[in-house]
Amino acid sequence: MVMKMAAVSTISLLLLCCSAISSTDAAEKCDYFAATGANFTVPMGFAIDKSDRLRWKHNDKVILDRKDGKFVEGKKELISEDGSLKLTNVIKSNAGSYIPEVLNKDGQKKGTFKVKMLCVMDPVPKPVVTPTCRKKTSVSEAQFTCKVHTTQTNHTFAWLRNNNKEFEKEKGDTLTRQADQVKTDSFSCRVSNSVSVMTSKPVVQNCIVNKVASFFPDTLLGLDTWIFVGGGGGVVLLLIVVVIVCCVHTKRRKRMQLKEEGELRLAWTNDQHKHHQHNDPQDQHPHHHHHPHQQPAGHTGPRQQRSRQQHPRNPDQPSAHPQPSPRRPAQAPRPPGNIDEDQPPPLPQPRKIIKKAAKAQRV
């Protein structure tokens, strides 16, 4: 049983070695390389006439046959004017051997052609460079790693410094440099195979950020230093906002206070103006209501007679002499607060003779 297991393992190893050797030989025997999804033309390499019969074989299978200008096999779009074979949207099954065959009108072969091997490969995806920092006792090293997401292994690496200088000796997927010597330099990797070339975006080392950062410790009280810096900046910003809000509130309050004081002054001025108008005798006369049978103060004219309807006439007295009306009682003295020292005393009222009242009494 052990012998059988050993024999099986030996055979499997031999098969793997043979497959690896065959794949390597196939790669070495490739005459042309085409990228999947691209277009490729297998060159003819020989001048032919339109009257010649043309055949193209892929892995010993006829895929195109043109005779007397007509296509027995294939389509017109598969060949160019010089007879070259055109492949569009290449896939992995298009890989293999290709050989043309040219016959004249008599059916005899023209020219000598060799079999050409076509290899189909996937284009290289865009690589990505990741910087890391390796700290040692005295020196920090910046390491750049080029990553390519592909299963193919037949590609090469190249490194660029500041997008223009290529490192000839660096051909691996990693690049290591001393951090203090490449503080501001950028690095990118270039990955290529037989069908395509792609270059990554440049990146900068992350070991030494800037000169200011070197003066601060990495951690403070068990936390990252930049956390404290960011927290302090947030507190300062909050204080600035609070100060601005307080200033705006104080200014608005002062403005409202000035507005209220102005309104109070305006109201006081209006009250004083109304008070002066009320104390003016010329303004008081039109609004003072006198009794119809009383004389105003200071009246020196004839006394107004009473109406017959309100006070009947005494029969013992003659009708030509009406009863005099009593004088208006003296006005009460004004309070001292309302007396204006600069205002003159009231002028006597003009005499008025009411003729209509006299005529009514005579009647």
Protein backbone atom coordinates (compact mmCIF):
# COMPACT_ATOMS: atom_id res chain seq x y z
CA MET A 1 0.00 0.00 0.00
CA VAL A 2 2.82 2.34 0.81
CA MET A 3 4.50 1.47 -2.47
CA LYS A 4 1.34 2.38 -4.41
CA MET A 5 1.05 5.74 -2.68
CA ALA A 6 4.67 6.55 -3.41
CA ALA A 7 4.21 5.64 -7.07
CA VAL A 8 1.12 7.86 -7.38
CA SER A 9 2.91 10.84 -5.81
CA THR A 10 5.88 10.33 -8.11
CA ILE A 11 3.68 10.26 -11.19
CA SER A 12 1.85 13.42 -10.10
CA LEU A 13 5.12 15.26 -9.60
CA LEU A 14 6.30 14.19 -13.04
CA LEU A 15 3.09 15.43 -14.60
CA LEU A 16 3.40 18.79 -12.89
CA CYS A 17 6.98 19.15 -14.04
CA CYS A 18 6.04 18.24 -17.59
CA SER A 19 3.16 20.73 -17.63
CA ALA A 20 5.42 23.47 -16.29
CA ILE A 21 8.06 22.69 -18.88
CA SER A 22 5.47 22.61 -21.67
CA SER A 23 3.99 25.96 -20.57
CA THR A 24 7.47 27.47 -20.41
CA ASP A 25 8.31 26.11 -23.84
CA ALA A 26 5.03 27.41 -25.20
CA ALA A 27 5.78 30.84 -23.79
CA GLU A 28 9.24 30.77 -25.29
CA LYS A 29 7.84 29.68 -28.69
CA CYS A 30 5.30 32.51 -28.96
CA ASP A 31 5.91 34.53 -32.11
CA TYR A 32 3.10 37.01 -31.45
CA PHE A 33 1.30 38.24 -28.35
CA ALA A 34 -2.27 39.52 -28.27
CA ALA A 35 -4.24 40.99 -25.38
CA THR A 36 -7.67 39.65 -24.57
CA GLY A 37 -10.42 41.92 -25.82
CA ALA A 38 -8.12 43.67 -28.30
CA ASN A 39 -7.72 43.38 -32.07
CA PHE A 40 -4.73 41.67 -33.67
CA THR A 41 -3.56 41.03 -37.21
CA VAL A 42 -1.48 37.99 -38.16
CA PRO A 43 0.81 39.28 -40.90
CA MET A 44 0.93 37.58 -44.32
CA GLY A 45 4.53 38.39 -45.11
CA PHE A 46 4.15 37.57 -48.84
CA ALA A 47 2.78 39.40 -51.86
CA ILE A 48 -0.13 37.63 -53.53
CA ASP A 49 -2.41 38.26 -56.52
CA LYS A 50 -6.15 38.63 -56.37
CA SER A 51 -6.49 35.60 -58.65
CA ASP A 52 -4.52 33.39 -56.22
CA ARG A 53 -6.32 31.04 -53.92
CA LEU A 54 -5.73 31.91 -50.25
CA ARG A 55 -6.17 29.70 -47.23
CA TRP A 56 -5.60 30.40 -43.53
CA LYS A 57 -5.26 27.54 -41.06
CA HIS A 58 -5.58 27.74 -37.27
CA ASN A 59 -4.19 24.67 -35.52
CA ASP A 60 -4.32 22.80 -38.87
CA LYS A 61 -7.96 23.76 -39.36
CA VAL A 62 -8.99 25.89 -42.37
CA ILE A 63 -10.74 29.02 -41.11
CA LEU A 64 -10.64 31.01 -44.36
CA ASP A 65 -10.65 29.91 -48.03
CA ARG A 66 -10.93 32.39 -50.88
CA LYS A 67 -11.07 31.02 -54.46
CA ASP A 68 -11.61 33.12 -57.59
CA GLY A 69 -12.63 36.08 -55.42
CA LYS A 70 -15.31 34.08 -53.62
CA PHE A 71 -15.14 32.88 -50.05
CA VAL A 72 -15.68 29.19 -49.67
CA GLU A 73 -14.88 29.37 -45.96
CA GLY A 74 -14.88 32.43 -43.71
CA LYS A 75 -15.83 36.01 -44.47
CA LYS A 76 -14.34 38.93 -46.31
CA GLU A 77 -13.85 40.87 -43.07
CA LEU A 78 -11.24 38.31 -41.90
CA ILE A 79 -8.51 39.39 -44.32
CA SER A 80 -6.94 42.67 -45.35
CA GLU A 81 -5.94 43.78 -48.84
CA ASP A 82 -2.52 42.13 -48.61
CA GLY A 83 -4.01 38.86 -47.34
CA SER A 84 -3.19 39.26 -43.63
CA LEU A 85 -5.55 37.62 -41.14
CA LYS A 86 -7.53 40.00 -38.93
CA LEU A 87 -8.72 38.94 -35.48
CA THR A 88 -11.21 41.12 -33.58
CA ASN A 89 -11.99 40.97 -29.86
CA VAL A 90 -9.37 38.32 -29.21
CA ILE A 91 -10.16 35.56 -26.70
CA LYS A 92 -8.06 32.81 -25.19
CA SER A 93 -9.24 30.26 -27.76
CA ASN A 94 -7.63 32.34 -30.54
CA ALA A 95 -4.20 31.30 -29.28
CA GLY A 96 -2.35 28.68 -31.24
CA SER A 97 -0.57 28.14 -34.56
CA TYR A 98 -1.37 30.07 -37.74
CA ILE A 99 -0.08 29.39 -41.25
CA PRO A 100 -1.20 30.72 -44.64
CA GLU A 101 -1.30 28.78 -47.92
CA VAL A 102 -1.27 30.37 -51.38
CA LEU A 103 -2.06 28.49 -54.64
CA ASN A 104 -1.90 29.80 -58.19
CA LYS A 105 -4.41 29.10 -60.96
CA ASP A 106 -2.81 25.72 -61.66
CA GLY A 107 -3.11 24.69 -58.00
CA GLN A 108 0.57 24.92 -57.26
CA LYS A 109 1.83 26.39 -53.97
CA LYS A 110 3.44 29.78 -54.03
CA GLY A 111 6.01 30.87 -51.48
CA THR A 112 7.30 29.23 -48.35
CA PHE A 113 5.52 29.89 -45.06
CA LYS A 114 6.33 28.93 -41.50
CA VAL A 115 3.96 28.23 -38.69
CA LYS A 116 3.51 31.23 -36.37
CA MET A 117 2.49 30.85 -32.73
CA LEU A 118 0.08 33.37 -31.23
CA CYS A 119 -0.17 33.73 -27.44
CA VAL A 120 -3.14 35.48 -25.84
CA MET A 121 -2.66 37.17 -22.46
CA ASP A 122 -4.66 39.39 -20.16
CA PRO A 123 -3.55 43.03 -19.93
CA VAL A 124 -1.92 44.13 -16.70
CA PRO A 125 -4.31 45.89 -14.27
CA LYS A 126 -3.35 49.21 -12.73
CA PRO A 127 -1.02 48.57 -9.78
CA VAL A 128 -1.27 50.22 -6.35
CA VAL A 129 1.67 51.27 -4.17
CA THR A 130 1.30 51.02 -0.39
CA PRO A 131 3.85 52.84 1.83
CA THR A 132 4.81 51.45 5.23
CA CYS A 133 7.28 52.54 7.89
CA ARG A 134 9.77 50.26 9.55
CA LYS A 135 11.33 51.76 12.65
CA LYS A 136 14.77 50.70 13.78
CA THR A 137 16.92 51.80 16.68
CA SER A 138 18.25 54.95 15.07
CA VAL A 139 16.96 55.08 11.50
CA SER A 140 13.44 54.81 10.05
CA GLU A 141 13.03 53.08 6.72
CA ALA A 142 10.21 53.69 4.26
CA GLN A 143 9.10 50.62 2.36
CA PHE A 144 6.94 50.78 -0.77
CA THR A 145 5.04 47.69 -1.93
CA CYS A 146 3.60 47.35 -5.44
CA LYS A 147 0.43 45.25 -5.57
CA VAL A 148 -1.13 43.86 -8.76
CA HIS A 149 -4.45 42.05 -8.63
CA THR A 150 -3.84 39.33 -11.22
CA THR A 151 -3.16 35.62 -11.33
CA GLN A 152 -0.51 35.95 -14.03
CA THR A 153 3.11 35.81 -13.02
CA ASN A 154 4.82 36.66 -16.28
CA HIS A 155 5.11 40.40 -15.65
CA THR A 156 8.00 42.65 -14.64
CA PHE A 157 8.33 45.52 -12.17
CA ALA A 158 10.08 48.87 -12.46
CA TRP A 159 10.25 51.76 -9.96
CA LEU A 160 10.06 55.48 -10.72
CA ARG A 161 11.15 58.35 -8.48
CA ASN A 162 9.20 61.61 -8.93
CA ASN A 163 7.71 60.16 -12.14
CA ASN A 164 10.90 60.58 -14.16
CA LYS A 165 13.85 58.66 -12.75
CA GLU A 166 13.84 54.88 -13.02
CA PHE A 167 15.79 52.60 -10.73
CA GLU A 168 17.56 50.16 -13.02
CA LYS A 169 18.53 47.70 -10.30
CA GLU A 170 15.16 47.60 -8.53
CA LYS A 171 13.08 44.95 -10.32
CA GLY A 172 11.06 43.50 -7.46
CA ASP A 173 7.65 44.37 -6.09
CA THR A 174 9.14 46.20 -3.04
CA LEU A 175 11.38 49.24 -2.67
CA THR A 176 13.09 50.31 0.57
CA ARG A 177 14.72 53.67 1.25
CA GLN A 178 15.87 55.61 4.30
CA ALA A 179 12.98 57.84 5.41
CA ASP A 180 14.95 61.01 6.14
CA GLN A 181 16.48 60.88 2.64
CA VAL A 182 13.14 60.69 0.79
CA LYS A 183 10.98 63.07 2.84
CA THR A 184 9.20 64.73 -0.09
CA ASP A 185 10.01 62.33 -2.92
CA SER A 186 7.21 60.35 -4.57
CA PHE A 187 7.49 56.79 -5.82
CA SER A 188 5.45 54.79 -8.32
CA CYS A 189 5.79 51.32 -9.83
CA ARG A 190 5.43 50.27 -13.44
CA VAL A 191 4.16 46.79 -14.23
CA SER A 192 4.34 45.34 -17.72
CA ASN A 193 3.91 42.10 -19.64
CA SER A 194 4.12 41.21 -23.30
CA VAL A 195 0.85 42.94 -24.20
CA SER A 196 0.46 45.96 -21.86
CA VAL A 197 2.13 48.40 -19.46
CA MET A 198 0.53 50.13 -16.46
CA THR A 199 1.92 52.65 -13.96
CA SER A 200 0.59 53.30 -10.46
CA LYS A 201 -0.14 56.64 -8.84
CA PRO A 202 2.82 58.21 -7.02
CA VAL A 203 2.86 58.06 -3.22
CA VAL A 204 4.99 59.68 -0.50
CA GLN A 205 6.50 58.02 2.57
CA ASN A 206 4.57 58.25 5.84
CA CYS A 207 7.40 57.88 8.33
CA ILE A 208 8.31 61.58 8.58
CA VAL A 209 5.26 63.74 7.99
CA ASN A 210 6.88 67.15 8.41
CA LYS A 211 9.44 68.98 10.52
CA VAL A 212 6.89 70.17 13.08
CA ALA A 213 5.60 66.66 13.73
CA SER A 214 9.06 65.49 14.77
CA PHE A 215 9.01 67.80 17.83
CA PHE A 216 5.87 66.18 19.25
CA PRO A 217 5.64 62.69 20.74
CA ASP A 218 3.57 60.08 18.98
CA THR A 219 1.36 59.47 22.01
CA LEU A 220 0.27 61.59 24.95
CA LEU A 221 -1.36 60.02 28.02
CA GLY A 222 -1.90 56.84 26.07
CA LEU A 223 -3.66 58.57 23.13
CA ASP A 224 -2.49 59.84 19.81
CA THR A 225 -1.03 63.34 19.96
CA TRP A 226 -3.15 64.51 17.03
CA ILE A 227 -6.29 63.65 19.00
CA PHE A 228 -5.31 66.22 21.61
CA VAL A 229 -4.43 68.73 18.90
CA GLY A 230 -7.77 68.23 17.21
CA GLY A 231 -9.64 68.46 20.54
CA GLY A 232 -7.85 71.69 21.44
CA GLY A 233 -8.69 73.14 18.06
CA GLY A 234 -12.35 72.22 18.58
CA VAL A 235 -12.42 73.92 21.98
CA VAL A 236 -10.84 77.09 20.56
CA LEU A 237 -13.39 77.15 17.75
CA LEU A 238 -16.23 76.73 20.24
CA LEU A 239 -14.92 79.63 22.35
CA ILE A 240 -14.69 81.84 19.28
CA VAL A 241 -18.31 81.04 18.39
CA VAL A 242 -19.45 81.79 21.97
CA VAL A 243 -17.61 85.15 22.00
CA ILE A 244 -19.15 86.12 18.66
CA VAL A 245 -22.65 85.21 19.87
CA CYS A 246 -22.18 87.22 23.10
CA CYS A 247 -20.93 90.27 21.19
CA VAL A 248 -23.88 90.13 18.80
CA HIS A 249 -26.33 89.75 21.71
CA THR A 250 -24.79 92.66 23.62
CA LYS A 251 -24.82 94.90 20.57
CA ARG A 252 -28.44 94.04 19.84
CA ARG A 253 -29.43 94.67 23.47
CA LYS A 254 -27.69 98.04 23.46
CA ARG A 255 -29.42 98.95 20.24
CA MET A 256 -32.83 98.06 21.71
CA GLN A 257 -32.04 100.09 24.83
CA LEU A 258 -31.17 103.15 22.73
CA LYS A 259 -34.35 102.69 20.75
CA GLU A 260 -36.48 102.53 23.91
CA GLU A 261 -34.79 105.65 25.31
CA GLY A 262 -35.52 107.49 22.07
CA GLU A 263 -39.17 106.45 22.21
CA LEU A 264 -39.45 107.61 25.83
CA ARG A 265 -37.90 110.98 24.97
CA LEU A 266 -40.29 111.39 22.05
CA ALA A 267 -43.29 110.55 24.24
CA TRP A 268 -42.15 113.00 26.96
CA THR A 269 -41.71 115.73 24.34
CA ASN A 270 -45.24 115.12 23.01
CA ASP A 271 -46.66 115.27 26.56
CA GLN A 272 -44.91 118.57 27.22
CA HIS A 273 -46.22 119.96 23.95
CA LYS A 274 -49.77 118.91 24.78
CA HIS A 275 -49.41 120.36 28.29
CA HIS A 276 -48.39 123.78 26.92
CA GLN A 277 -51.33 123.73 24.51
CA HIS A 278 -53.72 122.90 27.37
CA ASN A 279 -52.47 125.81 29.50
CA ASP A 280 -52.78 128.32 26.61
CA PRO A 281 -55.98 130.47 27.19
CA GLN A 282 -56.56 130.84 23.47
CA ASP A 283 -56.75 127.06 23.20
CA GLN A 284 -58.90 126.74 26.32
CA HIS A 285 -61.60 129.19 25.14
CA PRO A 286 -62.95 127.13 22.22
CA HIS A 287 -63.14 123.98 24.36
CA HIS A 288 -64.54 125.61 27.55
CA HIS A 289 -68.27 124.89 27.96
CA HIS A 290 -70.21 127.81 29.49
CA HIS A 291 -73.66 127.62 30.87
CA PRO A 292 -76.15 129.27 28.51
CA HIS A 293 -77.27 131.66 31.27
CA GLN A 294 -73.85 132.46 32.77
CA GLN A 295 -71.38 135.12 31.66
CA PRO A 296 -67.73 134.15 31.13
CA ALA A 297 -65.15 135.41 33.59
CA GLY A 298 -64.04 138.96 32.90
CA HIS A 299 -67.09 139.77 30.73
CA THR A 300 -67.86 143.52 30.87
CA GLY A 301 -70.70 143.73 28.34
CA PRO A 302 -74.45 143.73 28.94
CA ARG A 303 -75.79 140.86 30.87
CA GLN A 304 -77.71 138.26 28.95
CA GLN A 305 -81.35 137.99 29.85
CA ARG A 306 -82.99 134.77 30.80
CA SER A 307 -85.30 132.98 28.46
CA ARG A 308 -89.00 133.15 29.17
CA GLN A 309 -89.39 129.42 28.85
CA GLN A 310 -86.89 128.64 31.60
CA HIS A 311 -87.60 131.63 33.99
CA PRO A 312 -91.15 133.15 33.85
CA ARG A 313 -91.43 136.90 34.12
CA ASN A 314 -92.62 138.53 37.34
CA PRO A 315 -95.87 140.45 36.71
CA ASP A 316 -94.89 143.25 39.12
CA GLN A 317 -91.86 144.12 37.02
CA PRO A 318 -92.06 145.72 33.56
CA SER A 319 -91.39 143.50 30.56
CA ALA A 320 -88.88 145.88 29.09
CA HIS A 321 -86.38 145.21 31.83
CA PRO A 322 -85.34 141.52 31.98
CA GLN A 323 -83.89 140.00 35.10
CA PRO A 324 -80.15 140.12 35.25
CA SER A 325 -78.42 136.73 35.31
CA PRO A 326 -76.06 135.96 38.16
CA ARG A 327 -72.40 136.17 37.46
CA ARG A 328 -70.36 133.01 36.91
CA PRO A 329 -68.61 131.88 40.07
CA ALA A 330 -64.95 132.51 40.27
CA GLN A 331 -62.78 129.71 38.98
CA ALA A 332 -60.83 127.61 41.40
CA PRO A 333 -57.14 128.44 41.59
CA ARG A 334 -54.94 126.24 39.50
CA PRO A 335 -52.46 123.94 41.12
CA PRO A 336 -49.02 125.43 41.39
CA GLY A 337 -47.51 122.61 39.29
CA ASN A 338 -49.54 123.63 36.19
CA ILE A 339 -48.79 127.39 36.39
CA ASP A 340 -46.35 128.51 33.77
CA GLU A 341 -44.36 131.47 35.10
CA ASP A 342 -43.62 132.73 31.59
CA GLN A 343 -47.29 132.60 30.43
CA PRO A 344 -49.16 136.00 30.61
CA PRO A 345 -52.59 136.31 32.32
CA PRO A 346 -55.68 135.73 30.14
CA LEU A 347 -56.98 138.73 28.19
CA PRO A 348 -60.56 139.95 28.67
CA GLN A 349 -63.09 138.53 26.29
CA PRO A 350 -64.67 140.89 23.73
CA ARG A 351 -68.15 142.20 24.28
CA LYS A 352 -70.98 140.44 22.52
CA ILE A 353 -74.51 141.73 22.06
CA ILE A 354 -76.94 138.94 21.42
CA LYS A 355 -79.69 140.58 19.51
CA LYS A 356 -81.66 137.47 18.89
CA ALA A 357 -82.14 136.82 22.62
CA ALA A 358 -83.35 140.41 23.22
CA LYS A 359 -85.89 140.19 20.42
CA ALA A 360 -87.21 136.92 21.78
CA GLN A 361 -87.79 138.48 25.23
CA ARG A 362 -89.67 141.48 23.78
CA VAL A 363 -91.98 139.19 21.93
